[in-house]
Amino acid sequence: MQPDLVWYEDSGVPRIVVDAKYKAGSREGYPNGDLYQMLAYCTALGLAGGHLVYAKGDVPHRRHRVQQAGTVLYQHALDLDRKPSELLQEVQVLARRMVSAARP
């Protein structure tokens, strides 16, 4: 198992896990397999939440709470057709959301 990004505190404790998906969602949503994969990352790292980041599709940002596990899985969609400066601003906003969600 290797997520695309794990952010660690200075003490070496993992705080944020992110996996990038270069596929667009459909009207039905994103594949459930992605959620199971992120749940496995969260479980292995001892995190209460994780983030899947997709190329923009027809599905907006979503949040899923896994019953019995207390884990929250976030799905974010970035619009890769935007100007680079606009995309960078969107990524910065997303990074702030991730940091906020990671606070104890």
N, C-alpha and C. Protein backbone atom coordinates (compact mmCIF):
# COMPACT_ATOMS: atom_id res chain seq x y z
N MET A 1 0.84 -1.19 0.00
CA MET A 1 0.00 0.00 0.00
C MET A 1 0.87 1.24 0.00
N GLN A 2 0.64 2.10 -0.98
CA GLN A 2 1.39 3.35 -1.04
C GLN A 2 0.50 4.48 -1.51
N PRO A 3 0.01 5.29 -0.57
CA PRO A 3 -0.76 6.46 -1.00
C PRO A 3 0.17 7.45 -1.70
N ASP A 4 -0.41 8.37 -2.44
CA ASP A 4 0.40 9.34 -3.17
C ASP A 4 1.07 10.36 -2.25
N LEU A 5 0.42 10.69 -1.13
CA LEU A 5 0.99 11.69 -0.23
C LEU A 5 0.59 11.39 1.21
N VAL A 6 1.58 11.40 2.08
CA VAL A 6 1.32 11.33 3.52
C VAL A 6 2.08 12.50 4.14
N TRP A 7 1.38 13.33 4.90
CA TRP A 7 2.01 14.45 5.59
C TRP A 7 2.20 14.05 7.04
N TYR A 8 3.45 14.18 7.50
CA TYR A 8 3.82 13.80 8.86
C TYR A 8 4.14 15.03 9.69
N GLU A 9 3.80 14.98 10.98
CA GLU A 9 4.25 16.01 11.91
C GLU A 9 5.76 15.86 12.09
N ASP A 10 6.39 16.86 12.70
CA ASP A 10 7.83 16.80 12.97
C ASP A 10 8.18 15.58 13.82
N SER A 11 7.24 15.13 14.63
CA SER A 11 7.47 13.97 15.50
C SER A 11 7.39 12.65 14.75
N GLY A 12 7.02 12.69 13.46
CA GLY A 12 6.92 11.48 12.67
C GLY A 12 5.54 10.85 12.66
N VAL A 13 4.57 11.50 13.31
CA VAL A 13 3.20 10.98 13.35
C VAL A 13 2.47 11.41 12.07
N PRO A 14 1.84 10.47 11.36
CA PRO A 14 1.10 10.86 10.16
C PRO A 14 -0.14 11.69 10.52
N ARG A 15 -0.43 12.73 9.71
CA ARG A 15 -1.58 13.60 9.97
C ARG A 15 -2.58 13.61 8.82
N ILE A 16 -2.07 13.52 7.57
CA ILE A 16 -2.94 13.60 6.40
C ILE A 16 -2.50 12.57 5.38
N VAL A 17 -3.48 11.88 4.78
CA VAL A 17 -3.19 10.95 3.69
C VAL A 17 -4.03 11.38 2.49
N VAL A 18 -3.39 11.40 1.31
CA VAL A 18 -4.03 11.84 0.08
C VAL A 18 -3.70 10.84 -1.04
N ASP A 19 -4.69 10.53 -1.85
CA ASP A 19 -4.45 9.71 -3.03
C ASP A 19 -5.08 10.42 -4.22
N ALA A 20 -4.30 10.64 -5.26
CA ALA A 20 -4.77 11.33 -6.46
C ALA A 20 -5.29 10.32 -7.46
N LYS A 21 -6.40 10.65 -8.08
CA LYS A 21 -7.03 9.79 -9.07
C LYS A 21 -7.20 10.59 -10.36
N TYR A 22 -6.62 10.10 -11.42
CA TYR A 22 -6.70 10.80 -12.69
C TYR A 22 -7.80 10.20 -13.55
N LYS A 23 -9.00 10.24 -13.02
CA LYS A 23 -10.18 9.78 -13.73
C LYS A 23 -11.33 10.66 -13.30
N ALA A 24 -12.26 10.85 -14.18
CA ALA A 24 -13.42 11.68 -13.86
C ALA A 24 -14.53 10.81 -13.31
N GLY A 25 -15.31 11.38 -12.43
CA GLY A 25 -16.46 10.67 -11.90
C GLY A 25 -17.58 10.63 -12.92
N SER A 26 -18.50 9.74 -12.70
CA SER A 26 -19.68 9.67 -13.55
C SER A 26 -20.86 10.24 -12.77
N ARG A 27 -22.02 10.25 -13.35
CA ARG A 27 -23.20 10.75 -12.64
C ARG A 27 -23.50 9.92 -11.40
N GLU A 28 -23.09 8.66 -11.42
CA GLU A 28 -23.32 7.77 -10.28
C GLU A 28 -22.29 7.99 -9.17
N GLY A 29 -21.24 8.71 -9.46
CA GLY A 29 -20.20 8.96 -8.46
C GLY A 29 -18.89 8.32 -8.84
N TYR A 30 -17.99 8.27 -7.89
CA TYR A 30 -16.68 7.67 -8.11
C TYR A 30 -16.72 6.21 -7.69
N PRO A 31 -15.77 5.42 -8.15
CA PRO A 31 -15.77 3.99 -7.82
C PRO A 31 -15.64 3.73 -6.32
N ASN A 32 -16.43 2.80 -5.80
CA ASN A 32 -16.36 2.44 -4.39
C ASN A 32 -14.99 1.89 -4.02
N GLY A 33 -14.31 1.27 -4.97
CA GLY A 33 -12.99 0.73 -4.70
C GLY A 33 -12.01 1.79 -4.20
N ASP A 34 -12.18 3.02 -4.68
CA ASP A 34 -11.32 4.12 -4.21
C ASP A 34 -11.55 4.38 -2.73
N LEU A 35 -12.81 4.31 -2.31
CA LEU A 35 -13.13 4.53 -0.89
C LEU A 35 -12.54 3.41 -0.03
N TYR A 36 -12.65 2.18 -0.48
CA TYR A 36 -12.08 1.06 0.27
C TYR A 36 -10.56 1.19 0.37
N GLN A 37 -9.94 1.62 -0.72
CA GLN A 37 -8.49 1.82 -0.72
C GLN A 37 -8.10 2.88 0.31
N MET A 38 -8.84 4.01 0.32
CA MET A 38 -8.52 5.08 1.28
C MET A 38 -8.80 4.64 2.70
N LEU A 39 -9.84 3.86 2.91
CA LEU A 39 -10.11 3.33 4.25
C LEU A 39 -8.95 2.46 4.71
N ALA A 40 -8.39 1.67 3.82
CA ALA A 40 -7.23 0.84 4.18
C ALA A 40 -6.03 1.71 4.55
N TYR A 41 -5.79 2.79 3.80
CA TYR A 41 -4.69 3.70 4.14
C TYR A 41 -4.91 4.31 5.52
N CYS A 42 -6.13 4.79 5.78
CA CYS A 42 -6.43 5.41 7.07
C CYS A 42 -6.24 4.42 8.21
N THR A 43 -6.69 3.21 8.02
CA THR A 43 -6.56 2.17 9.06
C THR A 43 -5.09 1.87 9.31
N ALA A 44 -4.32 1.69 8.25
CA ALA A 44 -2.89 1.36 8.40
C ALA A 44 -2.11 2.49 9.07
N LEU A 45 -2.50 3.74 8.80
CA LEU A 45 -1.79 4.89 9.35
C LEU A 45 -2.38 5.38 10.67
N GLY A 46 -3.50 4.81 11.08
CA GLY A 46 -4.14 5.23 12.32
C GLY A 46 -4.77 6.61 12.23
N LEU A 47 -5.29 6.95 11.05
CA LEU A 47 -5.89 8.27 10.84
C LEU A 47 -7.41 8.20 10.86
N ALA A 48 -8.03 9.27 11.31
CA ALA A 48 -9.49 9.33 11.39
C ALA A 48 -10.11 9.77 10.07
N GLY A 49 -9.29 10.16 9.09
CA GLY A 49 -9.82 10.60 7.82
C GLY A 49 -8.77 10.59 6.73
N GLY A 50 -9.23 10.59 5.49
CA GLY A 50 -8.33 10.60 4.34
C GLY A 50 -8.99 11.28 3.16
N HIS A 51 -8.17 11.64 2.17
CA HIS A 51 -8.64 12.45 1.05
C HIS A 51 -8.32 11.81 -0.29
N LEU A 52 -9.34 11.72 -1.13
CA LEU A 52 -9.19 11.31 -2.52
C LEU A 52 -9.37 12.56 -3.37
N VAL A 53 -8.43 12.81 -4.27
CA VAL A 53 -8.48 13.99 -5.12
C VAL A 53 -8.58 13.53 -6.57
N TYR A 54 -9.64 13.97 -7.27
CA TYR A 54 -9.92 13.54 -8.62
C TYR A 54 -9.81 14.70 -9.61
N ALA A 55 -9.56 14.33 -10.89
CA ALA A 55 -9.78 15.28 -11.97
C ALA A 55 -11.28 15.54 -11.98
N LYS A 56 -11.69 16.75 -12.24
CA LYS A 56 -13.10 17.11 -12.10
C LYS A 56 -14.00 16.28 -12.99
N GLY A 57 -15.06 15.79 -12.40
CA GLY A 57 -16.09 15.05 -13.12
C GLY A 57 -17.43 15.70 -12.86
N ASP A 58 -18.48 14.92 -12.92
CA ASP A 58 -19.83 15.42 -12.71
C ASP A 58 -20.24 15.42 -11.24
N VAL A 59 -19.34 14.98 -10.37
CA VAL A 59 -19.68 14.83 -8.96
C VAL A 59 -18.92 15.87 -8.14
N PRO A 60 -19.60 16.61 -7.26
CA PRO A 60 -18.93 17.62 -6.43
C PRO A 60 -18.16 16.96 -5.28
N HIS A 61 -17.57 17.81 -4.44
CA HIS A 61 -16.89 17.32 -3.24
C HIS A 61 -17.88 16.53 -2.40
N ARG A 62 -17.40 15.44 -1.83
CA ARG A 62 -18.26 14.60 -0.99
C ARG A 62 -17.52 14.21 0.27
N ARG A 63 -18.31 13.84 1.27
CA ARG A 63 -17.78 13.39 2.56
C ARG A 63 -18.53 12.13 2.94
N HIS A 64 -17.80 11.08 3.32
CA HIS A 64 -18.40 9.81 3.69
C HIS A 64 -17.93 9.42 5.09
N ARG A 65 -18.86 9.14 5.98
CA ARG A 65 -18.50 8.65 7.31
C ARG A 65 -18.68 7.14 7.29
N VAL A 66 -17.61 6.41 7.63
CA VAL A 66 -17.66 4.95 7.65
C VAL A 66 -18.23 4.51 8.99
N GLN A 67 -19.39 3.87 8.93
CA GLN A 67 -20.05 3.41 10.16
C GLN A 67 -19.14 2.44 10.91
N GLN A 68 -19.22 2.47 12.21
CA GLN A 68 -18.48 1.59 13.13
C GLN A 68 -16.98 1.93 13.20
N ALA A 69 -16.42 2.52 12.15
CA ALA A 69 -14.98 2.82 12.16
C ALA A 69 -14.71 4.25 12.62
N GLY A 70 -15.70 5.13 12.45
CA GLY A 70 -15.50 6.53 12.82
C GLY A 70 -14.57 7.25 11.86
N THR A 71 -14.31 6.68 10.70
CA THR A 71 -13.41 7.27 9.71
C THR A 71 -14.22 8.12 8.73
N VAL A 72 -13.66 9.27 8.36
CA VAL A 72 -14.31 10.14 7.38
C VAL A 72 -13.44 10.17 6.13
N LEU A 73 -14.07 9.86 5.00
CA LEU A 73 -13.37 9.86 3.72
C LEU A 73 -13.89 11.01 2.88
N TYR A 74 -12.97 11.83 2.40
CA TYR A 74 -13.33 13.02 1.62
C TYR A 74 -12.98 12.77 0.16
N GLN A 75 -13.89 13.15 -0.73
CA GLN A 75 -13.62 13.10 -2.16
C GLN A 75 -13.67 14.53 -2.68
N HIS A 76 -12.59 14.95 -3.30
CA HIS A 76 -12.47 16.30 -3.83
C HIS A 76 -12.27 16.22 -5.34
N ALA A 77 -12.82 17.17 -6.07
CA ALA A 77 -12.66 17.23 -7.52
C ALA A 77 -11.99 18.54 -7.90
N LEU A 78 -10.91 18.45 -8.64
CA LEU A 78 -10.21 19.63 -9.15
C LEU A 78 -10.50 19.78 -10.64
N ASP A 79 -10.70 21.00 -11.07
CA ASP A 79 -10.95 21.26 -12.49
C ASP A 79 -9.60 21.52 -13.17
N LEU A 80 -9.09 20.52 -13.86
CA LEU A 80 -7.77 20.61 -14.48
C LEU A 80 -7.78 21.45 -15.76
N ASP A 81 -8.96 21.89 -16.21
CA ASP A 81 -9.06 22.73 -17.40
C ASP A 81 -8.90 24.22 -17.07
N ARG A 82 -8.73 24.54 -15.81
CA ARG A 82 -8.60 25.93 -15.41
C ARG A 82 -7.21 26.45 -15.75
N LYS A 83 -7.06 27.77 -15.72
CA LYS A 83 -5.74 28.39 -15.90
C LYS A 83 -4.85 27.91 -14.76
N PRO A 84 -3.55 27.76 -15.00
CA PRO A 84 -2.65 27.28 -13.95
C PRO A 84 -2.74 28.09 -12.65
N SER A 85 -2.85 29.40 -12.74
CA SER A 85 -2.93 30.22 -11.53
C SER A 85 -4.21 29.94 -10.76
N GLU A 86 -5.32 29.72 -11.47
CA GLU A 86 -6.59 29.40 -10.82
C GLU A 86 -6.56 28.01 -10.19
N LEU A 87 -5.94 27.06 -10.90
CA LEU A 87 -5.82 25.70 -10.37
C LEU A 87 -4.95 25.70 -9.11
N LEU A 88 -3.87 26.45 -9.13
CA LEU A 88 -3.01 26.53 -7.95
C LEU A 88 -3.76 27.12 -6.77
N GLN A 89 -4.58 28.13 -7.01
CA GLN A 89 -5.38 28.71 -5.93
C GLN A 89 -6.36 27.68 -5.39
N GLU A 90 -6.99 26.90 -6.27
CA GLU A 90 -7.92 25.85 -5.84
C GLU A 90 -7.19 24.78 -5.00
N VAL A 91 -5.98 24.45 -5.39
CA VAL A 91 -5.19 23.47 -4.64
C VAL A 91 -4.84 24.02 -3.26
N GLN A 92 -4.51 25.30 -3.17
CA GLN A 92 -4.21 25.91 -1.87
C GLN A 92 -5.42 25.89 -0.95
N VAL A 93 -6.60 26.15 -1.48
CA VAL A 93 -7.83 26.10 -0.68
C VAL A 93 -8.06 24.67 -0.20
N LEU A 94 -7.86 23.71 -1.08
CA LEU A 94 -8.03 22.31 -0.72
C LEU A 94 -7.03 21.89 0.36
N ALA A 95 -5.79 22.34 0.24
CA ALA A 95 -4.78 22.01 1.26
C ALA A 95 -5.19 22.57 2.62
N ARG A 96 -5.74 23.78 2.66
CA ARG A 96 -6.21 24.36 3.93
C ARG A 96 -7.34 23.52 4.52
N ARG A 97 -8.26 23.05 3.66
CA ARG A 97 -9.34 22.19 4.14
C ARG A 97 -8.79 20.91 4.76
N MET A 98 -7.79 20.34 4.11
CA MET A 98 -7.20 19.10 4.61
C MET A 98 -6.55 19.31 5.96
N VAL A 99 -5.84 20.40 6.12
CA VAL A 99 -5.18 20.70 7.39
C VAL A 99 -6.23 20.93 8.47
N SER A 100 -7.30 21.64 8.13
CA SER A 100 -8.38 21.86 9.10
C SER A 100 -9.01 20.56 9.54
N ALA A 101 -9.25 19.67 8.60
CA ALA A 101 -9.88 18.38 8.91
C ALA A 101 -8.95 17.50 9.74
N ALA A 102 -7.65 17.71 9.66
CA ALA A 102 -6.68 16.88 10.37
C ALA A 102 -6.46 17.33 11.81
N ARG A 103 -6.94 18.50 12.16
CA ARG A 103 -6.73 18.99 13.53
C ARG A 103 -7.47 18.11 14.51
N PRO A 104 -6.83 17.80 15.64
CA PRO A 104 -7.48 16.95 16.64
C PRO A 104 -8.69 17.59 17.28
